[in-house]
């Protein structure tokens, strides 16, 4: 079973992070219910897969901010705590404490959804 969309509406393929004013590295993100990534993952209980969080949301935003960071070599301290569901409003926070390292956290309100460290 997949999400049925009205005639002529295509599934969303991506996110549109919006920078939070006065908070460098923080972005408001709405998770569209019609994201193609929800198809089949999982029927009746859709969640945003961890690989989609890493590659489509986090890595693309890192690339937009720091284009010199091109290839993820390792992921450490990876934690998926709370599922991200269709329609959620989340906050993505990115911090670059070292030249080849980016720490990330995704939260919904005060609830931690996922976090980890990317090494480039």
PDB file of N, CA and C in Angstrom:
ATOM      1  N   UNK A   1       0.847  -1.183   0.000  1.00  0.00           N
ATOM      2  CA  UNK A   1       0.000   0.000   0.000  1.00  0.00           C
ATOM      3  C   UNK A   1       0.888   1.241   0.000  1.00  0.00           C
ATOM      4  N   UNK A   2       0.596   2.179  -0.880  1.00  0.00           N
ATOM      5  CA  UNK A   2       1.347   3.428  -0.902  1.00  0.00           C
ATOM      6  C   UNK A   2       0.387   4.589  -0.700  1.00  0.00           C
ATOM      7  N   UNK A   3       0.953   5.744  -0.418  1.00  0.00           N
ATOM      8  CA  UNK A   3       0.126   6.929  -0.207  1.00  0.00           C
ATOM      9  C   UNK A   3      -0.529   7.328  -1.522  1.00  0.00           C
ATOM     10  N   UNK A   4      -1.841   7.502  -1.516  1.00  0.00           N
ATOM     11  CA  UNK A   4      -2.557   7.922  -2.715  1.00  0.00           C
ATOM     12  C   UNK A   4      -2.572   9.445  -2.765  1.00  0.00           C
ATOM     13  N   UNK A   5      -2.138   9.979  -3.891  1.00  0.00           N
ATOM     14  CA  UNK A   5      -2.106  11.425  -4.071  1.00  0.00           C
ATOM     15  C   UNK A   5      -3.182  11.842  -5.057  1.00  0.00           C
ATOM     16  N   UNK A   6      -3.700  13.059  -4.914  1.00  0.00           N
ATOM     17  CA  UNK A   6      -4.689  13.542  -5.874  1.00  0.00           C
ATOM     18  C   UNK A   6      -4.121  13.558  -7.293  1.00  0.00           C
ATOM     19  N   UNK A   7      -4.991  13.402  -8.269  1.00  0.00           N
ATOM     20  CA  UNK A   7      -4.619  13.409  -9.682  1.00  0.00           C
ATOM     21  C   UNK A   7      -3.735  14.613  -9.997  1.00  0.00           C
ATOM     22  N   UNK A   8      -2.634  14.378 -10.688  1.00  0.00           N
ATOM     23  CA  UNK A   8      -1.751  15.466 -11.118  1.00  0.00           C
ATOM     24  C   UNK A   8      -0.725  15.889 -10.082  1.00  0.00           C
ATOM     25  N   UNK A   9      -0.787  15.362  -8.872  1.00  0.00           N
ATOM     26  CA  UNK A   9       0.176  15.716  -7.833  1.00  0.00           C
ATOM     27  C   UNK A   9       1.277  14.661  -7.831  1.00  0.00           C
ATOM     28  N   UNK A  10       2.520  15.105  -7.913  1.00  0.00           N
ATOM     29  CA  UNK A  10       3.652  14.181  -7.877  1.00  0.00           C
ATOM     30  C   UNK A  10       4.208  14.096  -6.463  1.00  0.00           C
ATOM     31  N   UNK A  11       4.786  12.952  -6.113  1.00  0.00           N
ATOM     32  CA  UNK A  11       5.410  12.848  -4.794  1.00  0.00           C
ATOM     33  C   UNK A  11       6.550  13.851  -4.652  1.00  0.00           C
ATOM     34  N   UNK A  12       6.685  14.436  -3.472  1.00  0.00           N
ATOM     35  CA  UNK A  12       7.820  15.311  -3.202  1.00  0.00           C
ATOM     36  C   UNK A  12       9.074  14.465  -3.196  1.00  0.00           C
ATOM     37  N   UNK A  13      10.153  14.978  -3.700  1.00  0.00           N
ATOM     38  CA  UNK A  13      11.396  14.220  -3.780  1.00  0.00           C
ATOM     39  C   UNK A  13      12.451  14.731  -2.814  1.00  0.00           C
ATOM     40  N   UNK A  14      12.192  15.841  -2.157  1.00  0.00           N
ATOM     41  CA  UNK A  14      13.223  16.396  -1.308  1.00  0.00           C
ATOM     42  C   UNK A  14      12.630  17.270  -0.209  1.00  0.00           C
ATOM     43  N   UNK A  15      13.520  17.819   0.560  1.00  0.00           N
ATOM     44  CA  UNK A  15      13.165  18.713   1.662  1.00  0.00           C
ATOM     45  C   UNK A  15      13.556  20.131   1.276  1.00  0.00           C
ATOM     46  N   UNK A  16      13.018  21.094   1.974  1.00  0.00           N
ATOM     47  CA  UNK A  16      13.386  22.490   1.748  1.00  0.00           C
ATOM     48  C   UNK A  16      13.759  23.112   3.084  1.00  0.00           C
ATOM     49  N   UNK A  17      14.975  22.826   3.586  1.00  0.00           N
ATOM     50  CA  UNK A  17      15.390  23.394   4.875  1.00  0.00           C
ATOM     51  C   UNK A  17      15.421  24.915   4.826  1.00  0.00           C
ATOM     52  N   UNK A  18      14.959  25.539   5.888  1.00  0.00           N
ATOM     53  CA  UNK A  18      14.990  27.001   6.019  1.00  0.00           C
ATOM     54  C   UNK A  18      15.878  27.352   7.207  1.00  0.00           C
ATOM     55  N   UNK A  19      16.875  28.195   6.947  1.00  0.00           N
ATOM     56  CA  UNK A  19      17.793  28.614   8.007  1.00  0.00           C
ATOM     57  C   UNK A  19      17.015  29.308   9.123  1.00  0.00           C
ATOM     58  N   UNK A  20      17.372  28.985  10.364  1.00  0.00           N
ATOM     59  CA  UNK A  20      16.757  29.635  11.526  1.00  0.00           C
ATOM     60  C   UNK A  20      17.501  30.933  11.790  1.00  0.00           C
ATOM     61  N   UNK A  21      16.814  32.061  11.756  1.00  0.00           N
ATOM     62  CA  UNK A  21      17.469  33.357  11.989  1.00  0.00           C
ATOM     63  C   UNK A  21      18.186  33.377  13.346  1.00  0.00           C
ATOM     64  N   UNK A  22      19.438  33.847  13.323  1.00  0.00           N
ATOM     65  CA  UNK A  22      20.203  33.987  14.553  1.00  0.00           C
ATOM     66  C   UNK A  22      20.744  32.680  15.111  1.00  0.00           C
ATOM     67  N   UNK A  23      20.560  31.579  14.381  1.00  0.00           N
ATOM     68  CA  UNK A  23      21.058  30.280  14.834  1.00  0.00           C
ATOM     69  C   UNK A  23      21.852  29.626  13.707  1.00  0.00           C
ATOM     70  N   UNK A  24      23.134  29.969  13.571  1.00  0.00           N
ATOM     71  CA  UNK A  24      23.941  29.379  12.499  1.00  0.00           C
ATOM     72  C   UNK A  24      23.943  27.852  12.586  1.00  0.00           C
ATOM     73  N   UNK A  25      23.779  27.222  11.449  1.00  0.00           N
ATOM     74  CA  UNK A  25      23.788  25.764  11.391  1.00  0.00           C
ATOM     75  C   UNK A  25      22.493  25.105  11.807  1.00  0.00           C
ATOM     76  N   UNK A  26      21.442  25.878  12.050  1.00  0.00           N
ATOM     77  CA  UNK A  26      20.142  25.311  12.442  1.00  0.00           C
ATOM     78  C   UNK A  26      19.119  25.601  11.340  1.00  0.00           C
ATOM     79  N   UNK A  27      18.316  24.572  11.005  1.00  0.00           N
ATOM     80  CA  UNK A  27      17.371  24.665   9.903  1.00  0.00           C
ATOM     81  C   UNK A  27      16.033  24.063  10.294  1.00  0.00           C
ATOM     82  N   UNK A  28      14.967  24.776   9.970  1.00  0.00           N
ATOM     83  CA  UNK A  28      13.619  24.235  10.120  1.00  0.00           C
ATOM     84  C   UNK A  28      13.318  23.429   8.871  1.00  0.00           C
ATOM     85  N   UNK A  29      12.767  22.239   9.061  1.00  0.00           N
ATOM     86  CA  UNK A  29      12.466  21.361   7.941  1.00  0.00           C
ATOM     87  C   UNK A  29      11.076  20.772   8.130  1.00  0.00           C
ATOM     88  N   UNK A  30      10.234  20.933   7.116  1.00  0.00           N
ATOM     89  CA  UNK A  30       8.939  20.254   7.115  1.00  0.00           C
ATOM     90  C   UNK A  30       9.122  18.969   6.320  1.00  0.00           C
ATOM     91  N   UNK A  31       8.620  17.861   6.844  1.00  0.00           N
ATOM     92  CA  UNK A  31       8.722  16.563   6.176  1.00  0.00           C
ATOM     93  C   UNK A  31       7.415  16.328   5.422  1.00  0.00           C
ATOM     94  N   UNK A  32       7.416  16.562   4.095  1.00  0.00           N
ATOM     95  CA  UNK A  32       6.171  16.414   3.334  1.00  0.00           C
ATOM     96  C   UNK A  32       5.627  14.993   3.407  1.00  0.00           C
ATOM     97  N   UNK A  33       4.342  14.879   3.626  1.00  0.00           N
ATOM     98  CA  UNK A  33       3.705  13.565   3.714  1.00  0.00           C
ATOM     99  C   UNK A  33       3.803  12.806   2.396  1.00  0.00           C
ATOM    100  N   UNK A  34       3.919  13.540   1.281  1.00  0.00           N
ATOM    101  CA  UNK A  34       3.944  12.888  -0.028  1.00  0.00           C
ATOM    102  C   UNK A  34       5.358  12.547  -0.507  1.00  0.00           C
ATOM    103  N   UNK A  35       6.353  12.581   0.387  1.00  0.00           N
ATOM    104  CA  UNK A  35       7.706  12.191  -0.019  1.00  0.00           C
ATOM    105  C   UNK A  35       7.702  10.777  -0.595  1.00  0.00           C
ATOM    106  N   UNK A  36       8.330  10.621  -1.728  1.00  0.00           N
ATOM    107  CA  UNK A  36       8.403   9.304  -2.358  1.00  0.00           C
ATOM    108  C   UNK A  36       9.113   8.294  -1.464  1.00  0.00           C
ATOM    109  N   UNK A  37       9.974   8.773  -0.568  1.00  0.00           N
ATOM    110  CA  UNK A  37      10.728   7.883   0.320  1.00  0.00           C
ATOM    111  C   UNK A  37       9.840   7.118   1.300  1.00  0.00           C
ATOM    112  N   UNK A  38       8.623   7.581   1.506  1.00  0.00           N
ATOM    113  CA  UNK A  38       7.722   6.883   2.421  1.00  0.00           C
ATOM    114  C   UNK A  38       7.055   5.667   1.773  1.00  0.00           C
ATOM    115  N   UNK A  39       7.059   5.617   0.452  1.00  0.00           N
ATOM    116  CA  UNK A  39       6.410   4.501  -0.243  1.00  0.00           C
ATOM    117  C   UNK A  39       7.031   3.178   0.191  1.00  0.00           C
ATOM    118  N   UNK A  40       6.213   2.339   0.836  1.00  0.00           N
ATOM    119  CA  UNK A  40       6.653   1.019   1.248  1.00  0.00           C
ATOM    120  C   UNK A  40       7.515   0.977   2.488  1.00  0.00           C
ATOM    121  N   UNK A  41       7.694   2.091   3.168  1.00  0.00           N
ATOM    122  CA  UNK A  41       8.579   2.128   4.348  1.00  0.00           C
ATOM    123  C   UNK A  41       7.879   2.796   5.516  1.00  0.00           C
ATOM    124  N   UNK A  42       7.068   2.267   6.191  1.00  0.00           N
ATOM    125  CA  UNK A  42       6.430   0.963   6.130  1.00  0.00           C
ATOM    126  C   UNK A  42       4.936   1.160   5.953  1.00  0.00           C
ATOM    127  N   UNK A  43       4.277   0.294   5.212  1.00  0.00           N
ATOM    128  CA  UNK A  43       2.853   0.442   4.936  1.00  0.00           C
ATOM    129  C   UNK A  43       2.057   0.586   6.226  1.00  0.00           C
ATOM    130  N   UNK A  44       1.292   1.647   6.303  1.00  0.00           N
ATOM    131  CA  UNK A  44       0.451   1.896   7.468  1.00  0.00           C
ATOM    132  C   UNK A  44       1.174   2.528   8.642  1.00  0.00           C
ATOM    133  N   UNK A  45       2.490   2.536   8.617  1.00  0.00           N
ATOM    134  CA  UNK A  45       3.296   3.099   9.703  1.00  0.00           C
ATOM    135  C   UNK A  45       4.530   3.780   9.119  1.00  0.00           C
ATOM    136  N   UNK A  46       4.318   4.730   8.237  1.00  0.00           N
ATOM    137  CA  UNK A  46       5.417   5.349   7.501  1.00  0.00           C
ATOM    138  C   UNK A  46       6.411   6.033   8.431  1.00  0.00           C
ATOM    139  N   UNK A  47       7.703   5.769   8.174  1.00  0.00           N
ATOM    140  CA  UNK A  47       8.782   6.463   8.875  1.00  0.00           C
ATOM    141  C   UNK A  47       9.835   6.857   7.848  1.00  0.00           C
ATOM    142  N   UNK A  48      10.590   7.879   8.170  1.00  0.00           N
ATOM    143  CA  UNK A  48      11.668   8.331   7.294  1.00  0.00           C
ATOM    144  C   UNK A  48      12.901   7.474   7.590  1.00  0.00           C
ATOM    145  N   UNK A  49      13.317   6.703   6.609  1.00  0.00           N
ATOM    146  CA  UNK A  49      14.441   5.784   6.780  1.00  0.00           C
ATOM    147  C   UNK A  49      15.713   6.530   7.166  1.00  0.00           C
ATOM    148  N   UNK A  50      16.540   5.875   7.956  1.00  0.00           N
ATOM    149  CA  UNK A  50      17.793   6.468   8.402  1.00  0.00           C
ATOM    150  C   UNK A  50      18.695   6.864   7.253  1.00  0.00           C
ATOM    151  N   UNK A  51      18.770   6.049   6.207  1.00  0.00           N
ATOM    152  CA  UNK A  51      19.623   6.364   5.067  1.00  0.00           C
ATOM    153  C   UNK A  51      19.138   7.620   4.348  1.00  0.00           C
ATOM    154  N   UNK A  52      17.835   7.845   4.327  1.00  0.00           N
ATOM    155  CA  UNK A  52      17.287   9.068   3.716  1.00  0.00           C
ATOM    156  C   UNK A  52      17.667  10.273   4.578  1.00  0.00           C
ATOM    157  N   UNK A  53      17.571  10.119   5.884  1.00  0.00           N
ATOM    158  CA  UNK A  53      17.992  11.209   6.774  1.00  0.00           C
ATOM    159  C   UNK A  53      19.445  11.574   6.500  1.00  0.00           C
ATOM    160  N   UNK A  54      20.315  10.558   6.424  1.00  0.00           N
ATOM    161  CA  UNK A  54      21.746  10.800   6.237  1.00  0.00           C
ATOM    162  C   UNK A  54      22.082  11.363   4.866  1.00  0.00           C
ATOM    163  N   UNK A  55      21.606  10.705   3.808  1.00  0.00           N
ATOM    164  CA  UNK A  55      22.029  11.080   2.458  1.00  0.00           C
ATOM    165  C   UNK A  55      21.247  12.242   1.862  1.00  0.00           C
ATOM    166  N   UNK A  56      19.947  12.265   2.078  1.00  0.00           N
ATOM    167  CA  UNK A  56      19.121  13.259   1.399  1.00  0.00           C
ATOM    168  C   UNK A  56      18.974  14.539   2.216  1.00  0.00           C
ATOM    169  N   UNK A  57      18.830  14.420   3.495  1.00  0.00           N
ATOM    170  CA  UNK A  57      18.640  15.610   4.321  1.00  0.00           C
ATOM    171  C   UNK A  57      19.975  16.160   4.826  1.00  0.00           C
ATOM    172  N   UNK A  58      20.716  15.365   5.562  1.00  0.00           N
ATOM    173  CA  UNK A  58      21.917  15.861   6.233  1.00  0.00           C
ATOM    174  C   UNK A  58      23.058  16.104   5.248  1.00  0.00           C
ATOM    175  N   UNK A  59      23.442  15.092   4.476  1.00  0.00           N
ATOM    176  CA  UNK A  59      24.592  15.232   3.566  1.00  0.00           C
ATOM    177  C   UNK A  59      24.373  16.334   2.534  1.00  0.00           C
ATOM    178  N   UNK A  60      23.162  16.471   2.017  1.00  0.00           N
ATOM    179  CA  UNK A  60      22.910  17.534   1.041  1.00  0.00           C
ATOM    180  C   UNK A  60      23.007  18.916   1.671  1.00  0.00           C
ATOM    181  N   UNK A  61      22.556  19.038   2.913  1.00  0.00           N
ATOM    182  CA  UNK A  61      22.657  20.330   3.585  1.00  0.00           C
ATOM    183  C   UNK A  61      24.114  20.644   3.921  1.00  0.00           C
ATOM    184  N   UNK A  62      24.866  19.641   4.349  1.00  0.00           N
ATOM    185  CA  UNK A  62      26.300  19.829   4.614  1.00  0.00           C
ATOM    186  C   UNK A  62      26.985  20.290   3.335  1.00  0.00           C
ATOM    187  N   UNK A  63      26.688  19.651   2.220  1.00  0.00           N
ATOM    188  CA  UNK A  63      27.285  20.009   0.936  1.00  0.00           C
ATOM    189  C   UNK A  63      26.946  21.443   0.522  1.00  0.00           C
ATOM    190  N   UNK A  64      25.729  21.873   0.829  1.00  0.00           N
ATOM    191  CA  UNK A  64      25.317  23.242   0.480  1.00  0.00           C
ATOM    192  C   UNK A  64      26.073  24.280   1.312  1.00  0.00           C
ATOM    193  N   UNK A  65      26.343  23.946   2.567  1.00  0.00           N
ATOM    194  CA  UNK A  65      27.027  24.895   3.467  1.00  0.00           C
ATOM    195  C   UNK A  65      28.539  24.846   3.272  1.00  0.00           C
ATOM    196  N   UNK A  66      29.068  23.634   3.204  1.00  0.00           N
ATOM    197  CA  UNK A  66      30.514  23.416   3.097  1.00  0.00           C
ATOM    198  C   UNK A  66      30.811  22.564   1.867  1.00  0.00           C
ATOM    199  N   UNK A  67      30.821  23.155   0.672  1.00  0.00           N
ATOM    200  CA  UNK A  67      30.992  22.376  -0.560  1.00  0.00           C
ATOM    201  C   UNK A  67      32.319  21.623  -0.631  1.00  0.00           C
ATOM    202  N   UNK A  68      33.302  22.025   0.157  1.00  0.00           N
ATOM    203  CA  UNK A  68      34.579  21.313   0.147  1.00  0.00           C
ATOM    204  C   UNK A  68      34.499  19.931   0.818  1.00  0.00           C
ATOM    205  N   UNK A  69      33.437  19.690   1.579  1.00  0.00           N
ATOM    206  CA  UNK A  69      33.228  18.378   2.203  1.00  0.00           C
ATOM    207  C   UNK A  69      32.461  17.517   1.212  1.00  0.00           C
ATOM    208  N   UNK A  70      33.178  16.658   0.501  1.00  0.00           N
ATOM    209  CA  UNK A  70      32.568  15.963  -0.631  1.00  0.00           C
ATOM    210  C   UNK A  70      32.218  14.504  -0.394  1.00  0.00           C
ATOM    211  N   UNK A  71      32.955  13.808   0.433  1.00  0.00           N
ATOM    212  CA  UNK A  71      32.727  12.370   0.579  1.00  0.00           C
ATOM    213  C   UNK A  71      32.716  11.982   2.045  1.00  0.00           C
ATOM    214  N   UNK A  72      31.623  11.378   2.472  1.00  0.00           N
ATOM    215  CA  UNK A  72      31.556  10.880   3.840  1.00  0.00           C
ATOM    216  C   UNK A  72      32.404   9.616   3.904  1.00  0.00           C
ATOM    217  N   UNK A  73      33.352   9.595   4.804  1.00  0.00           N
ATOM    218  CA  UNK A  73      34.251   8.449   4.941  1.00  0.00           C
ATOM    219  C   UNK A  73      33.836   7.527   6.088  1.00  0.00           C
ATOM    220  N   UNK A  74      33.166   8.122   7.075  1.00  0.00           N
ATOM    221  CA  UNK A  74      32.784   7.327   8.241  1.00  0.00           C
ATOM    222  C   UNK A  74      31.664   8.048   8.982  1.00  0.00           C
ATOM    223  N   UNK A  75      30.792   7.262   9.601  1.00  0.00           N
ATOM    224  CA  UNK A  75      29.728   7.798  10.447  1.00  0.00           C
ATOM    225  C   UNK A  75      29.914   7.179  11.822  1.00  0.00           C
ATOM    226  N   UNK A  76      29.963   8.014  12.852  1.00  0.00           N
ATOM    227  CA  UNK A  76      30.124   7.514  14.217  1.00  0.00           C
ATOM    228  C   UNK A  76      29.031   8.094  15.110  1.00  0.00           C
ATOM    229  N   UNK A  77      28.886   7.502  16.262  1.00  0.00           N
ATOM    230  CA  UNK A  77      27.921   7.931  17.286  1.00  0.00           C
ATOM    231  C   UNK A  77      26.500   8.067  16.727  1.00  0.00           C
ATOM    232  N   UNK A  78      26.157   7.255  15.741  1.00  0.00           N
ATOM    233  CA  UNK A  78      24.853   7.332  15.079  1.00  0.00           C
ATOM    234  C   UNK A  78      23.766   6.764  15.988  1.00  0.00           C
ATOM    235  N   UNK A  79      22.734   7.568  16.226  1.00  0.00           N
ATOM    236  CA  UNK A  79      21.615   7.156  17.067  1.00  0.00           C
ATOM    237  C   UNK A  79      20.307   7.558  16.400  1.00  0.00           C
ATOM    238  N   UNK A  80      19.402   6.591  16.285  1.00  0.00           N
ATOM    239  CA  UNK A  80      18.039   6.856  15.831  1.00  0.00           C
ATOM    240  C   UNK A  80      17.150   6.596  17.033  1.00  0.00           C
ATOM    241  N   UNK A  81      16.594   7.641  17.595  1.00  0.00           N
ATOM    242  CA  UNK A  81      15.857   7.519  18.847  1.00  0.00           C
ATOM    243  C   UNK A  81      14.340   7.497  18.668  1.00  0.00           C
ATOM    244  N   UNK A  82      13.842   8.397  17.843  1.00  0.00           N
ATOM    245  CA  UNK A  82      12.402   8.543  17.651  1.00  0.00           C
ATOM    246  C   UNK A  82      12.131   8.623  16.148  1.00  0.00           C
ATOM    247  N   UNK A  83      11.172   7.844  15.639  1.00  0.00           N
ATOM    248  CA  UNK A  83      10.895   7.888  14.198  1.00  0.00           C
ATOM    249  C   UNK A  83      10.416   9.268  13.737  1.00  0.00           C
ATOM    250  N   UNK A  84      10.828   9.623  12.536  1.00  0.00           N
ATOM    251  CA  UNK A  84      10.341  10.828  11.871  1.00  0.00           C
ATOM    252  C   UNK A  84       9.242  10.376  10.932  1.00  0.00           C
ATOM    253  N   UNK A  85       8.094  11.013  11.036  1.00  0.00           N
ATOM    254  CA  UNK A  85       6.904  10.582  10.305  1.00  0.00           C
ATOM    255  C   UNK A  85       6.457  11.649   9.295  1.00  0.00           C
ATOM    256  N   UNK A  86       5.612  11.244   8.342  1.00  0.00           N
ATOM    257  CA  UNK A  86       5.076  12.203   7.372  1.00  0.00           C
ATOM    258  C   UNK A  86       4.396  13.374   8.083  1.00  0.00           C
ATOM    259  N   UNK A  87       4.684  14.570   7.595  1.00  0.00           N
ATOM    260  CA  UNK A  87       4.063  15.768   8.145  1.00  0.00           C
ATOM    261  C   UNK A  87       4.782  16.376   9.332  1.00  0.00           C
ATOM    262  N   UNK A  88       5.830  15.726   9.831  1.00  0.00           N
ATOM    263  CA  UNK A  88       6.563  16.263  10.982  1.00  0.00           C
ATOM    264  C   UNK A  88       7.274  17.563  10.632  1.00  0.00           C
ATOM    265  N   UNK A  89       7.382  18.427  11.604  1.00  0.00           N
ATOM    266  CA  UNK A  89       8.219  19.620  11.521  1.00  0.00           C
ATOM    267  C   UNK A  89       9.404  19.362  12.436  1.00  0.00           C
ATOM    268  N   UNK A  90      10.590  19.369  11.865  1.00  0.00           N
ATOM    269  CA  UNK A  90      11.792  19.030  12.610  1.00  0.00           C
ATOM    270  C   UNK A  90      12.815  20.156  12.507  1.00  0.00           C
ATOM    271  N   UNK A  91      13.823  20.075  13.345  1.00  0.00           N
ATOM    272  CA  UNK A  91      14.939  21.015  13.297  1.00  0.00           C
ATOM    273  C   UNK A  91      16.207  20.201  13.060  1.00  0.00           C
ATOM    274  N   UNK A  92      16.981  20.586  12.063  1.00  0.00           N
ATOM    275  CA  UNK A  92      18.273  19.988  11.772  1.00  0.00           C
ATOM    276  C   UNK A  92      19.342  20.944  12.275  1.00  0.00           C
ATOM    277  N   UNK A  93      20.237  20.433  13.114  1.00  0.00           N
ATOM    278  CA  UNK A  93      21.334  21.243  13.629  1.00  0.00           C
ATOM    279  C   UNK A  93      22.649  20.644  13.180  1.00  0.00           C
ATOM    280  N   UNK A  94      23.509  21.476  12.591  1.00  0.00           N
ATOM    281  CA  UNK A  94      24.818  21.050  12.103  1.00  0.00           C
ATOM    282  C   UNK A  94      25.896  21.874  12.792  1.00  0.00           C
ATOM    283  N   UNK A  95      26.950  21.198  13.215  1.00  0.00           N
ATOM    284  CA  UNK A  95      28.068  21.855  13.875  1.00  0.00           C
ATOM    285  C   UNK A  95      29.347  21.267  13.299  1.00  0.00           C
ATOM    286  N   UNK A  96      30.293  22.133  12.973  1.00  0.00           N
ATOM    287  CA  UNK A  96      31.562  21.674  12.389  1.00  0.00           C
ATOM    288  C   UNK A  96      32.702  21.965  13.364  1.00  0.00           C
ATOM    289  N   UNK A  97      32.932  21.071  14.343  1.00  0.00           N
ATOM    290  CA  UNK A  97      33.957  21.329  15.356  1.00  0.00           C
ATOM    291  C   UNK A  97      35.388  21.136  14.853  1.00  0.00           C
ATOM    292  N   UNK A  98      35.553  20.384  13.754  1.00  0.00           N
ATOM    293  CA  UNK A  98      36.872  20.152  13.154  1.00  0.00           C
ATOM    294  C   UNK A  98      36.716  20.255  11.648  1.00  0.00           C
ATOM    295  N   UNK A  99      37.817  20.527  10.922  1.00  0.00           N
ATOM    296  CA  UNK A  99      37.711  20.719   9.476  1.00  0.00           C
ATOM    297  C   UNK A  99      37.055  19.565   8.713  1.00  0.00           C
ATOM    298  N   UNK A 100      37.270  18.326   9.139  1.00  0.00           N
ATOM    299  CA  UNK A 100      36.737  17.181   8.406  1.00  0.00           C
ATOM    300  C   UNK A 100      35.662  16.444   9.212  1.00  0.00           C
ATOM    301  N   UNK A 101      34.975  17.150  10.106  1.00  0.00           N
ATOM    302  CA  UNK A 101      33.961  16.510  10.950  1.00  0.00           C
ATOM    303  C   UNK A 101      32.738  17.420  11.075  1.00  0.00           C
ATOM    304  N   UNK A 102      31.560  16.810  10.968  1.00  0.00           N
ATOM    305  CA  UNK A 102      30.300  17.527  11.180  1.00  0.00           C
ATOM    306  C   UNK A 102      29.442  16.701  12.133  1.00  0.00           C
ATOM    307  N   UNK A 103      29.028  17.325  13.221  1.00  0.00           N
ATOM    308  CA  UNK A 103      28.088  16.706  14.151  1.00  0.00           C
ATOM    309  C   UNK A 103      26.684  17.151  13.743  1.00  0.00           C
ATOM    310  N   UNK A 104      25.719  16.251  13.842  1.00  0.00           N
ATOM    311  CA  UNK A 104      24.345  16.622  13.510  1.00  0.00           C
ATOM    312  C   UNK A 104      23.381  16.130  14.571  1.00  0.00           C
ATOM    313  N   UNK A 105      22.265  16.810  14.638  1.00  0.00           N
ATOM    314  CA  UNK A 105      21.153  16.392  15.496  1.00  0.00           C
ATOM    315  C   UNK A 105      19.872  16.788  14.800  1.00  0.00           C
ATOM    316  N   UNK A 106      18.895  15.896  14.859  1.00  0.00           N
ATOM    317  CA  UNK A 106      17.555  16.201  14.360  1.00  0.00           C
ATOM    318  C   UNK A 106      16.618  16.053  15.536  1.00  0.00           C
ATOM    319  N   UNK A 107      15.775  17.061  15.726  1.00  0.00           N
ATOM    320  CA  UNK A 107      14.813  16.983  16.822  1.00  0.00           C
ATOM    321  C   UNK A 107      13.445  17.470  16.364  1.00  0.00           C
ATOM    322  N   UNK A 108      12.448  16.984  17.059  1.00  0.00           N
ATOM    323  CA  UNK A 108      11.064  17.414  16.846  1.00  0.00           C
ATOM    324  C   UNK A 108      10.654  18.018  18.178  1.00  0.00           C
ATOM    325  N   UNK A 109      10.545  19.340  18.205  1.00  0.00           N
ATOM    326  CA  UNK A 109      10.303  20.014  19.482  1.00  0.00           C
ATOM    327  C   UNK A 109      11.490  19.768  20.399  1.00  0.00           C
ATOM    328  N   UNK A 110      11.242  19.243  21.586  1.00  0.00           N
ATOM    329  CA  UNK A 110      12.331  18.922  22.511  1.00  0.00           C
ATOM    330  C   UNK A 110      12.782  17.476  22.402  1.00  0.00           C
ATOM    331  N   UNK A 111      12.147  16.725  21.529  1.00  0.00           N
ATOM    332  CA  UNK A 111      12.398  15.294  21.392  1.00  0.00           C
ATOM    333  C   UNK A 111      13.535  15.024  20.389  1.00  0.00           C
ATOM    334  N   UNK A 112      14.575  14.326  20.818  1.00  0.00           N
ATOM    335  CA  UNK A 112      15.692  13.977  19.934  1.00  0.00           C
ATOM    336  C   UNK A 112      15.266  12.841  19.014  1.00  0.00           C
ATOM    337  N   UNK A 113      15.379  13.055  17.706  1.00  0.00           N
ATOM    338  CA  UNK A 113      15.032  12.017  16.727  1.00  0.00           C
ATOM    339  C   UNK A 113      16.256  11.220  16.324  1.00  0.00           C
ATOM    340  N   UNK A 114      17.315  11.908  15.921  1.00  0.00           N
ATOM    341  CA  UNK A 114      18.547  11.226  15.529  1.00  0.00           C
ATOM    342  C   UNK A 114      19.728  12.162  15.717  1.00  0.00           C
ATOM    343  N   UNK A 115      20.912  11.557  15.779  1.00  0.00           N
ATOM    344  CA  UNK A 115      22.130  12.350  15.944  1.00  0.00           C
ATOM    345  C   UNK A 115      23.317  11.492  15.533  1.00  0.00           C
ATOM    346  N   UNK A 116      24.444  12.152  15.328  1.00  0.00           N
ATOM    347  CA  UNK A 116      25.654  11.428  14.970  1.00  0.00           C
ATOM    348  C   UNK A 116      26.737  12.367  14.492  1.00  0.00           C
ATOM    349  N   UNK A 117      27.820  11.767  14.011  1.00  0.00           N
ATOM    350  CA  UNK A 117      28.964  12.510  13.532  1.00  0.00           C
ATOM    351  C   UNK A 117      29.375  11.967  12.170  1.00  0.00           C
ATOM    352  N   UNK A 118      29.576  12.873  11.226  1.00  0.00           N
ATOM    353  CA  UNK A 118      30.051  12.518   9.887  1.00  0.00           C
ATOM    354  C   UNK A 118      31.513  12.925   9.773  1.00  0.00           C
ATOM    355  N   UNK A 119      32.335  12.013   9.268  1.00  0.00           N
ATOM    356  CA  UNK A 119      33.757  12.284   9.054  1.00  0.00           C
ATOM    357  C   UNK A 119      34.005  12.304   7.554  1.00  0.00           C
ATOM    358  N   UNK A 120      34.661  13.348   7.090  1.00  0.00           N
ATOM    359  CA  UNK A 120      34.924  13.546   5.655  1.00  0.00           C
ATOM    360  C   UNK A 120      36.383  13.368   5.333  1.00  0.00           C
TER     361      UNK A 120
END
